[in-house]
Amino acid sequence: MPNQRLFYFVLILAFASCRKPYNPPVIASASSYLVVEGAINSGSDSTTIKLSKTVNLNAQTTVNPLPGATVVVESDQNGAWPLAGDNRGNYTSPGLNLPAGANYRIHITTPGGSQYVSDYQPIKPTPPIDSIGYTVDGNGVNLYVNSHDPANNTHYYRWEYMEGWIFHAQYQSAFVSNGNALVPRTPSQQVYFCYASDASSHILLASTAKLSRDIVYRSPLTSIPFNSEKLEVTYLIYLKQYAITPDAYNFYLNMQKNTEQLGSIFDAEPSEVPGNIHSLSNAAEPVVGWISVTNVQVKTMMLAGGPVVPVGTIVNYPDKCEVDTALFLDRNGYNQVQNVLLNPPYTDNAIDQLTKGPAVVGYTYSSIVCTDCTLRGSKQLPWFWK
């Protein structure tokens, strides 16, 4: 037995030591294939389809949107619902409220005239989300979703979410230059609290096909470390739930394995991920994506960070911040306030007054990235904040 263990240990070391850089032929490929993201929402919520093109592995950018296309939802009963595009490759329509009993697909015409269609599919109803909850462990907060289908017809679920949070700059700038002096900020000039937002970046799936009841219990969504700015004040998650077919589930499962579970000799091997979208002019052309037809269900949950974050937790700010002082008169008779804080780049960075008795003798200040939250966030509520 000891010799057998030694053999496996040496074998693992051999795999690790024999790795060499590999530049696959696709790096130099001039081909760029269509990528289609989204779902046809059959209900009253909006439908958004995102079009982009693949990029080479050695490209400088990973985002290659495709604006200028024509995207239409079609039924097998000659219905048509066009989607309006923007310059970022997003094609959107308000609630379609599609008639029941028909099958639906996406028809895409690119700016170059190439045409693509998804397979016709019936509407697959999505049950409501039961709840969003969380657990707390030694590292942070773990969010999860609960759902079920009393009709026992769903079995395959997919989720995506937007998340938003209130955060603040590391230091609160209470004063701002008016060109001649430092004056207290007005409410409209406050730059301490801001909103930030992000979208889910992982493929979130669950299957109840092997269970006796169609119940999803505590399916993981995301984890947030205690020291994240997301938990600094208030956090909100806006969750969308989709019922999908077994074929769609297998598509997303393969995508999940190919994009999120690679990196060691024990991970799944890359595999081809056939979708349900096809080129009308070239049947052999790869197209990445899957279009489902369902009524999306939505739920939000708001979480106040204070009650769940351990006392004494230090927020992991993205910048190293220090506080300096500027005096009206330093030891050399130099007016630091006049010559520093009233001139760029420090005109908006004064934190607080320095006093000696009743007299103001100067101000504390820091860099703008440490005092102005609008450099990393917005004063406007995210559209999904409710």
Protein backbone atom coordinates (compact mmCIF):
# COMPACT_ATOMS: atom_id res chain seq x y z
CA MET A 1 0.00 0.00 0.00
CA PRO A 2 2.78 2.58 0.79
CA ASN A 3 4.35 1.90 -2.62
CA GLN A 4 1.00 2.42 -4.32
CA ARG A 5 0.54 5.77 -2.58
CA LEU A 6 4.04 6.80 -3.62
CA PHE A 7 3.22 5.88 -7.22
CA TYR A 8 0.15 8.13 -7.30
CA PHE A 9 2.07 10.95 -5.64
CA VAL A 10 4.83 10.76 -8.24
CA LEU A 11 2.22 10.59 -11.01
CA ILE A 12 0.58 13.81 -9.83
CA LEU A 13 3.96 15.52 -9.64
CA ALA A 14 4.69 14.41 -13.18
CA PHE A 15 1.47 15.98 -14.45
CA ALA A 16 2.29 19.23 -12.66
CA SER A 17 5.92 19.39 -13.81
CA CYS A 18 5.20 18.50 -17.45
CA ARG A 19 2.78 21.33 -18.15
CA LYS A 20 3.86 23.53 -21.04
CA PRO A 21 2.24 26.63 -22.49
CA TYR A 22 -0.14 25.70 -25.29
CA ASN A 23 -1.36 28.18 -27.86
CA PRO A 24 -4.35 26.59 -29.59
CA PRO A 25 -4.88 27.25 -33.29
CA VAL A 26 -8.09 29.21 -32.60
CA ILE A 27 -5.99 32.06 -31.20
CA ALA A 28 -5.03 33.08 -34.71
CA SER A 29 -8.44 32.38 -36.22
CA ALA A 30 -9.97 35.22 -38.22
CA SER A 31 -13.46 33.84 -37.66
CA SER A 32 -15.82 35.54 -35.22
CA TYR A 33 -18.98 33.74 -34.26
CA LEU A 34 -22.33 35.05 -33.08
CA VAL A 35 -23.13 34.90 -29.36
CA VAL A 36 -26.79 35.22 -28.31
CA GLU A 37 -27.79 35.78 -24.67
CA GLY A 38 -31.23 36.15 -23.14
CA ALA A 39 -34.67 34.62 -23.14
CA ILE A 40 -38.05 35.35 -24.68
CA ASN A 41 -40.22 36.56 -21.82
CA SER A 42 -43.76 35.50 -22.62
CA GLY A 43 -45.32 37.59 -19.83
CA SER A 44 -45.52 41.25 -18.83
CA ASP A 45 -41.81 41.73 -18.03
CA SER A 46 -39.47 43.03 -20.72
CA THR A 47 -37.52 40.82 -23.12
CA THR A 48 -33.84 41.60 -23.71
CA ILE A 49 -31.60 39.74 -26.16
CA LYS A 50 -27.90 40.57 -26.19
CA LEU A 51 -25.84 40.01 -29.32
CA SER A 52 -22.06 39.93 -29.48
CA LYS A 53 -19.26 38.26 -31.43
CA THR A 54 -16.56 35.97 -30.10
CA VAL A 55 -13.01 37.31 -29.77
CA ASN A 56 -9.66 35.57 -30.11
CA LEU A 57 -7.98 34.40 -26.91
CA ASN A 58 -5.15 36.88 -27.39
CA ALA A 59 -7.44 39.87 -28.10
CA GLN A 60 -7.03 43.04 -26.06
CA THR A 61 -10.75 43.18 -25.27
CA THR A 62 -13.22 40.56 -24.12
CA VAL A 63 -16.36 42.52 -25.06
CA ASN A 64 -17.42 42.64 -28.70
CA PRO A 65 -21.08 43.77 -28.91
CA LEU A 66 -23.07 43.57 -32.13
CA PRO A 67 -25.30 46.63 -32.63
CA GLY A 68 -27.24 47.40 -35.80
CA ALA A 69 -28.94 44.02 -36.17
CA THR A 70 -32.65 43.31 -36.61
CA VAL A 71 -34.11 41.04 -33.93
CA VAL A 72 -37.69 39.80 -34.07
CA VAL A 73 -39.66 37.37 -31.91
CA GLU A 74 -41.70 35.15 -34.26
CA SER A 75 -44.48 32.62 -33.68
CA ASP A 76 -45.36 29.60 -35.77
CA GLN A 77 -48.75 31.28 -36.28
CA ASN A 78 -47.26 34.21 -38.25
CA GLY A 79 -46.96 36.61 -35.31
CA ALA A 80 -44.00 38.99 -35.12
CA TRP A 81 -42.72 41.26 -32.32
CA PRO A 82 -39.65 43.42 -33.18
CA LEU A 83 -37.08 44.35 -30.52
CA ALA A 84 -35.43 47.78 -30.38
CA GLY A 85 -31.62 47.83 -30.36
CA ASP A 86 -29.05 50.12 -28.78
CA ASN A 87 -25.37 50.75 -29.48
CA ARG A 88 -24.26 48.11 -26.93
CA GLY A 89 -25.82 45.14 -28.69
CA ASN A 90 -28.92 44.98 -26.46
CA TYR A 91 -32.30 44.40 -28.13
CA THR A 92 -35.32 45.01 -25.93
CA SER A 93 -39.10 45.04 -25.97
CA PRO A 94 -41.62 45.85 -23.24
CA GLY A 95 -43.87 43.05 -22.02
CA LEU A 96 -44.82 40.87 -25.01
CA ASN A 97 -47.71 39.03 -23.30
CA LEU A 98 -47.46 36.30 -25.92
CA PRO A 99 -50.61 34.29 -26.76
CA ALA A 100 -50.68 30.76 -25.33
CA GLY A 101 -50.78 27.74 -27.61
CA ALA A 102 -48.14 28.91 -30.08
CA ASN A 103 -44.41 28.19 -30.44
CA TYR A 104 -41.87 31.01 -30.53
CA ARG A 105 -38.36 31.73 -31.75
CA ILE A 106 -35.87 34.58 -32.29
CA HIS A 107 -35.04 35.69 -35.86
CA ILE A 108 -31.80 37.69 -36.17
CA THR A 109 -30.52 39.56 -39.21
CA THR A 110 -27.00 40.95 -38.72
CA PRO A 111 -25.81 44.25 -40.25
CA GLY A 112 -24.01 42.17 -42.88
CA GLY A 113 -27.23 40.40 -43.89
CA SER A 114 -26.58 37.02 -42.25
CA GLN A 115 -29.69 35.41 -40.76
CA TYR A 116 -30.04 33.22 -37.67
CA VAL A 117 -33.02 31.62 -35.99
CA SER A 118 -33.58 29.70 -32.77
CA ASP A 119 -35.68 26.55 -32.66
CA TYR A 120 -39.41 27.05 -32.17
CA GLN A 121 -40.38 26.32 -28.58
CA PRO A 122 -43.63 26.37 -26.58
CA ILE A 123 -44.00 28.61 -23.53
CA LYS A 124 -42.68 26.88 -20.41
CA PRO A 125 -44.31 28.43 -17.31
CA THR A 126 -42.01 29.52 -14.48
CA PRO A 127 -43.28 29.14 -10.90
CA PRO A 128 -42.81 32.05 -8.47
CA ILE A 129 -39.70 32.33 -6.32
CA ASP A 130 -40.55 31.32 -2.76
CA SER A 131 -37.83 33.24 -0.96
CA ILE A 132 -34.26 34.50 -0.96
CA GLY A 133 -32.33 33.83 2.24
CA TYR A 134 -28.84 33.81 3.61
CA THR A 135 -26.56 32.02 6.03
CA VAL A 136 -23.53 33.40 7.82
CA ASP A 137 -20.26 31.54 8.29
CA GLY A 138 -16.77 32.53 9.35
CA ASN A 139 -16.00 34.19 6.01
CA GLY A 140 -19.12 36.10 5.11
CA VAL A 141 -22.74 35.94 3.96
CA ASN A 142 -23.99 33.21 1.62
CA LEU A 143 -27.17 33.96 -0.33
CA TYR A 144 -29.51 31.23 -1.57
CA VAL A 145 -32.91 30.80 -3.25
CA ASN A 146 -35.90 28.60 -2.42
CA SER A 147 -38.53 27.69 -5.00
CA HIS A 148 -40.98 24.95 -5.90
CA ASP A 149 -43.56 23.94 -8.49
CA PRO A 150 -46.74 22.50 -6.91
CA ALA A 151 -47.70 21.10 -10.34
CA ASN A 152 -44.40 19.15 -10.41
CA ASN A 153 -43.70 20.23 -14.00
CA THR A 154 -40.63 22.50 -13.88
CA HIS A 155 -37.70 20.34 -12.70
CA TYR A 156 -35.04 22.57 -14.32
CA TYR A 157 -34.29 26.08 -13.07
CA ARG A 158 -31.95 28.88 -14.05
CA TRP A 159 -31.30 32.18 -12.26
CA GLU A 160 -29.55 35.44 -12.93
CA TYR A 161 -29.44 38.54 -10.81
CA MET A 162 -28.52 42.17 -10.48
CA GLU A 163 -27.07 43.31 -7.20
CA GLY A 164 -26.83 46.82 -5.83
CA TRP A 165 -25.37 48.28 -2.68
CA ILE A 166 -24.88 51.54 -0.85
CA PHE A 167 -21.28 52.28 0.05
CA HIS A 168 -19.36 55.32 1.18
CA ALA A 169 -16.01 56.93 0.51
CA GLN A 170 -13.33 56.14 3.06
CA TYR A 171 -13.41 59.74 4.31
CA GLN A 172 -16.26 62.25 4.27
CA SER A 173 -15.37 65.53 2.62
CA ALA A 174 -17.40 68.18 4.43
CA PHE A 175 -15.96 71.18 2.58
CA VAL A 176 -15.47 72.23 -1.02
CA SER A 177 -13.74 75.13 -2.71
CA ASN A 178 -15.83 77.93 -4.21
CA GLY A 179 -12.72 79.34 -5.88
CA ASN A 180 -11.84 81.73 -3.10
CA ALA A 181 -12.43 79.80 0.11
CA LEU A 182 -13.49 76.45 1.51
CA VAL A 183 -17.22 76.34 2.26
CA PRO A 184 -19.50 73.62 3.68
CA ARG A 185 -20.91 71.26 1.07
CA THR A 186 -24.61 71.63 0.28
CA PRO A 187 -26.78 68.47 0.25
CA SER A 188 -26.51 68.34 -3.55
CA GLN A 189 -22.71 68.43 -3.29
CA GLN A 190 -22.44 65.45 -0.94
CA VAL A 191 -20.15 62.72 -2.32
CA TYR A 192 -19.88 60.41 0.69
CA PHE A 193 -22.67 57.89 0.01
CA CYS A 194 -23.16 56.29 -3.43
CA TYR A 195 -24.86 53.35 -5.14
CA ALA A 196 -22.99 50.65 -7.03
CA SER A 197 -24.32 47.69 -8.98
CA ASP A 198 -23.20 44.55 -10.76
CA ALA A 199 -24.66 41.55 -12.59
CA SER A 200 -24.25 37.85 -11.89
CA SER A 201 -21.22 36.41 -13.66
CA HIS A 202 -21.76 32.70 -12.96
CA ILE A 203 -24.25 30.26 -14.47
CA LEU A 204 -26.77 29.42 -11.74
CA LEU A 205 -28.70 26.18 -12.21
CA ALA A 206 -30.65 23.58 -10.25
CA SER A 207 -32.45 20.37 -11.17
CA THR A 208 -35.13 18.54 -9.19
CA ALA A 209 -35.57 15.84 -11.84
CA LYS A 210 -34.30 13.11 -9.51
CA LEU A 211 -36.40 14.25 -6.55
CA SER A 212 -39.86 13.02 -5.65
CA ARG A 213 -41.09 16.61 -5.32
CA ASP A 214 -40.26 19.64 -7.46
CA ILE A 215 -38.67 21.64 -4.62
CA VAL A 216 -35.50 23.75 -4.76
CA TYR A 217 -34.06 24.24 -1.29
CA ARG A 218 -31.25 26.67 -0.59
CA SER A 219 -29.72 26.68 -4.05
CA PRO A 220 -26.56 28.88 -3.79
CA LEU A 221 -26.55 32.30 -5.47
CA THR A 222 -23.50 34.23 -4.28
CA SER A 223 -21.20 34.77 -1.31
CA ILE A 224 -20.11 38.15 0.08
CA PRO A 225 -17.07 38.50 2.35
CA PHE A 226 -17.64 40.43 5.56
CA ASN A 227 -15.06 43.05 4.55
CA SER A 228 -16.74 43.80 1.21
CA GLU A 229 -18.13 47.26 0.59
CA LYS A 230 -21.35 45.50 -0.45
CA LEU A 231 -22.13 44.93 3.23
CA GLU A 232 -20.98 48.36 4.39
CA VAL A 233 -24.48 49.89 4.52
CA THR A 234 -27.29 48.21 2.54
CA TYR A 235 -27.25 45.44 -0.07
CA LEU A 236 -30.05 44.44 -2.48
CA ILE A 237 -30.34 41.49 -4.83
CA TYR A 238 -32.79 41.50 -7.76
CA LEU A 239 -33.25 37.86 -8.77
CA LYS A 240 -34.80 36.47 -11.96
CA GLN A 241 -35.93 32.85 -12.19
CA TYR A 242 -36.45 30.93 -15.43
CA ALA A 243 -37.99 27.52 -16.01
CA ILE A 244 -35.96 25.77 -18.69
CA THR A 245 -36.17 22.53 -20.66
CA PRO A 246 -33.87 19.52 -20.09
CA ASP A 247 -31.97 20.40 -23.27
CA ALA A 248 -31.47 23.98 -22.10
CA TYR A 249 -30.30 22.72 -18.72
CA ASN A 250 -27.71 20.47 -20.38
CA PHE A 251 -26.54 23.39 -22.54
CA TYR A 252 -26.00 25.65 -19.53
CA LEU A 253 -24.47 22.82 -17.52
CA ASN A 254 -21.88 22.24 -20.24
CA MET A 255 -21.21 25.98 -20.43
CA GLN A 256 -20.75 26.01 -16.66
CA LYS A 257 -18.24 23.15 -16.81
CA ASN A 258 -16.32 24.71 -19.68
CA THR A 259 -16.10 28.20 -18.21
CA GLU A 260 -16.02 27.72 -14.44
CA GLN A 261 -14.56 24.30 -13.67
CA LEU A 262 -11.30 24.25 -15.61
CA GLY A 263 -7.85 24.59 -14.12
CA SER A 264 -6.68 21.26 -12.72
CA ILE A 265 -6.25 17.70 -13.97
CA PHE A 266 -9.30 16.67 -11.95
CA ASP A 267 -11.70 19.13 -13.63
CA ALA A 268 -14.08 18.31 -16.46
CA GLU A 269 -12.59 18.27 -19.93
CA PRO A 270 -13.75 21.00 -22.34
CA SER A 271 -16.59 19.84 -24.55
CA GLU A 272 -18.64 21.16 -27.45
CA VAL A 273 -21.68 23.18 -26.35
CA PRO A 274 -24.37 22.98 -29.05
CA GLY A 275 -27.13 25.56 -28.67
CA ASN A 276 -30.55 25.93 -30.27
CA ILE A 277 -29.64 28.84 -32.58
CA HIS A 278 -28.62 28.19 -36.19
CA SER A 279 -27.40 30.03 -39.24
CA LEU A 280 -29.84 29.95 -42.19
CA SER A 281 -27.07 30.40 -44.72
CA ASN A 282 -24.40 28.08 -43.30
CA ALA A 283 -25.56 25.11 -41.26
CA ALA A 284 -21.97 24.36 -40.20
CA GLU A 285 -21.37 27.81 -38.68
CA PRO A 286 -21.12 27.68 -34.88
CA VAL A 287 -23.52 29.91 -32.94
CA VAL A 288 -23.22 30.23 -29.17
CA GLY A 289 -26.41 30.57 -27.12
CA TRP A 290 -29.75 29.16 -26.10
CA ILE A 291 -33.11 30.89 -26.29
CA SER A 292 -35.82 29.78 -23.86
CA VAL A 293 -39.46 30.88 -23.90
CA THR A 294 -40.91 31.46 -20.44
CA ASN A 295 -42.49 33.98 -18.10
CA VAL A 296 -39.69 35.21 -15.86
CA GLN A 297 -40.34 35.45 -12.12
CA VAL A 298 -38.66 38.16 -10.05
CA LYS A 299 -37.95 38.65 -6.37
CA THR A 300 -35.79 41.09 -4.40
CA MET A 301 -34.19 40.93 -0.98
CA MET A 302 -32.60 43.78 0.95
CA LEU A 303 -29.92 43.14 3.56
CA ALA A 304 -28.61 45.64 6.09
CA GLY A 305 -24.93 44.92 6.62
CA GLY A 306 -24.67 46.14 10.20
CA PRO A 307 -26.52 43.27 11.95
CA VAL A 308 -24.58 40.51 10.16
CA VAL A 309 -21.05 41.91 9.90
CA PRO A 310 -18.86 41.19 12.96
CA VAL A 311 -17.96 44.22 15.05
CA GLY A 312 -14.47 45.47 14.22
CA THR A 313 -14.49 44.29 10.59
CA ILE A 314 -12.27 46.52 8.44
CA VAL A 315 -13.70 47.22 5.00
CA ASN A 316 -11.40 46.30 2.13
CA TYR A 317 -11.30 49.62 0.28
CA PRO A 318 -9.80 49.50 -3.23
CA ASP A 319 -7.37 52.39 -2.61
CA LYS A 320 -4.78 53.13 0.04
CA CYS A 321 -5.92 56.34 1.74
CA GLU A 322 -4.07 58.73 3.99
CA VAL A 323 -5.07 62.02 5.64
CA ASP A 324 -2.88 65.13 5.33
CA THR A 325 -3.17 68.57 6.89
CA ALA A 326 -3.11 72.00 5.26
CA LEU A 327 -2.59 75.04 7.50
CA PHE A 328 -3.35 78.68 6.80
CA LEU A 329 0.10 79.48 8.17
CA ASP A 330 2.82 76.85 8.61
CA ARG A 331 6.17 77.32 10.32
CA ASN A 332 7.59 78.98 7.23
CA GLY A 333 4.70 81.42 6.89
CA TYR A 334 3.33 79.48 3.90
CA ASN A 335 -0.46 79.40 3.35
CA GLN A 336 -1.05 75.72 2.57
CA VAL A 337 -4.82 76.10 2.39
CA GLN A 338 -4.59 78.86 -0.19
CA ASN A 339 -1.92 77.16 -2.26
CA VAL A 340 -3.07 73.52 -1.95
CA LEU A 341 -6.77 73.09 -1.20
CA LEU A 342 -8.02 75.93 -3.38
CA ASN A 343 -6.27 74.55 -6.46
CA PRO A 344 -6.66 71.33 -8.49
CA PRO A 345 -6.54 68.47 -7.79
CA TYR A 346 -7.47 69.08 -4.14
CA THR A 347 -10.37 71.56 -4.50
CA ASP A 348 -12.95 68.94 -3.51
CA ASN A 349 -11.00 66.95 -0.94
CA ALA A 350 -11.19 68.85 2.36
CA ILE A 351 -12.41 66.58 5.15
CA ASP A 352 -12.72 68.70 8.29
CA GLN A 353 -11.57 71.91 9.96
CA LEU A 354 -8.55 72.14 12.24
CA THR A 355 -9.12 74.52 15.12
CA LYS A 356 -7.05 76.16 17.83
CA GLY A 357 -9.48 77.51 20.35
CA PRO A 358 -12.24 79.31 18.40
CA ALA A 359 -9.98 79.92 15.39
CA VAL A 360 -9.85 77.73 12.27
CA VAL A 361 -6.18 77.18 11.53
CA GLY A 362 -6.46 74.71 8.65
CA TYR A 363 -8.11 71.61 7.20
CA THR A 364 -7.53 67.91 6.90
CA TYR A 365 -7.76 66.46 3.40
CA SER A 366 -7.12 63.32 1.36
CA SER A 367 -6.97 62.28 -2.29
CA ILE A 368 -10.11 62.47 -4.38
CA VAL A 369 -10.42 58.69 -4.74
CA CYS A 370 -10.68 58.53 -0.94
CA THR A 371 -13.25 61.32 -0.53
CA ASP A 372 -15.49 61.17 -3.63
CA CYS A 373 -17.65 58.04 -3.99
CA THR A 374 -18.89 59.10 -7.44
CA LEU A 375 -15.58 57.96 -8.96
CA ARG A 376 -16.69 54.37 -8.30
CA GLY A 377 -20.45 54.69 -7.98
CA SER A 378 -23.46 56.86 -8.66
CA LYS A 379 -25.81 59.13 -6.75
CA GLN A 380 -28.70 57.66 -8.73
CA LEU A 381 -30.65 54.61 -7.58
CA PRO A 382 -30.07 51.52 -9.76
CA TRP A 383 -33.12 50.89 -11.93
CA PHE A 384 -33.93 47.65 -10.10
CA TRP A 385 -33.71 49.14 -6.59
CA LYS A 386 -37.13 48.73 -5.00
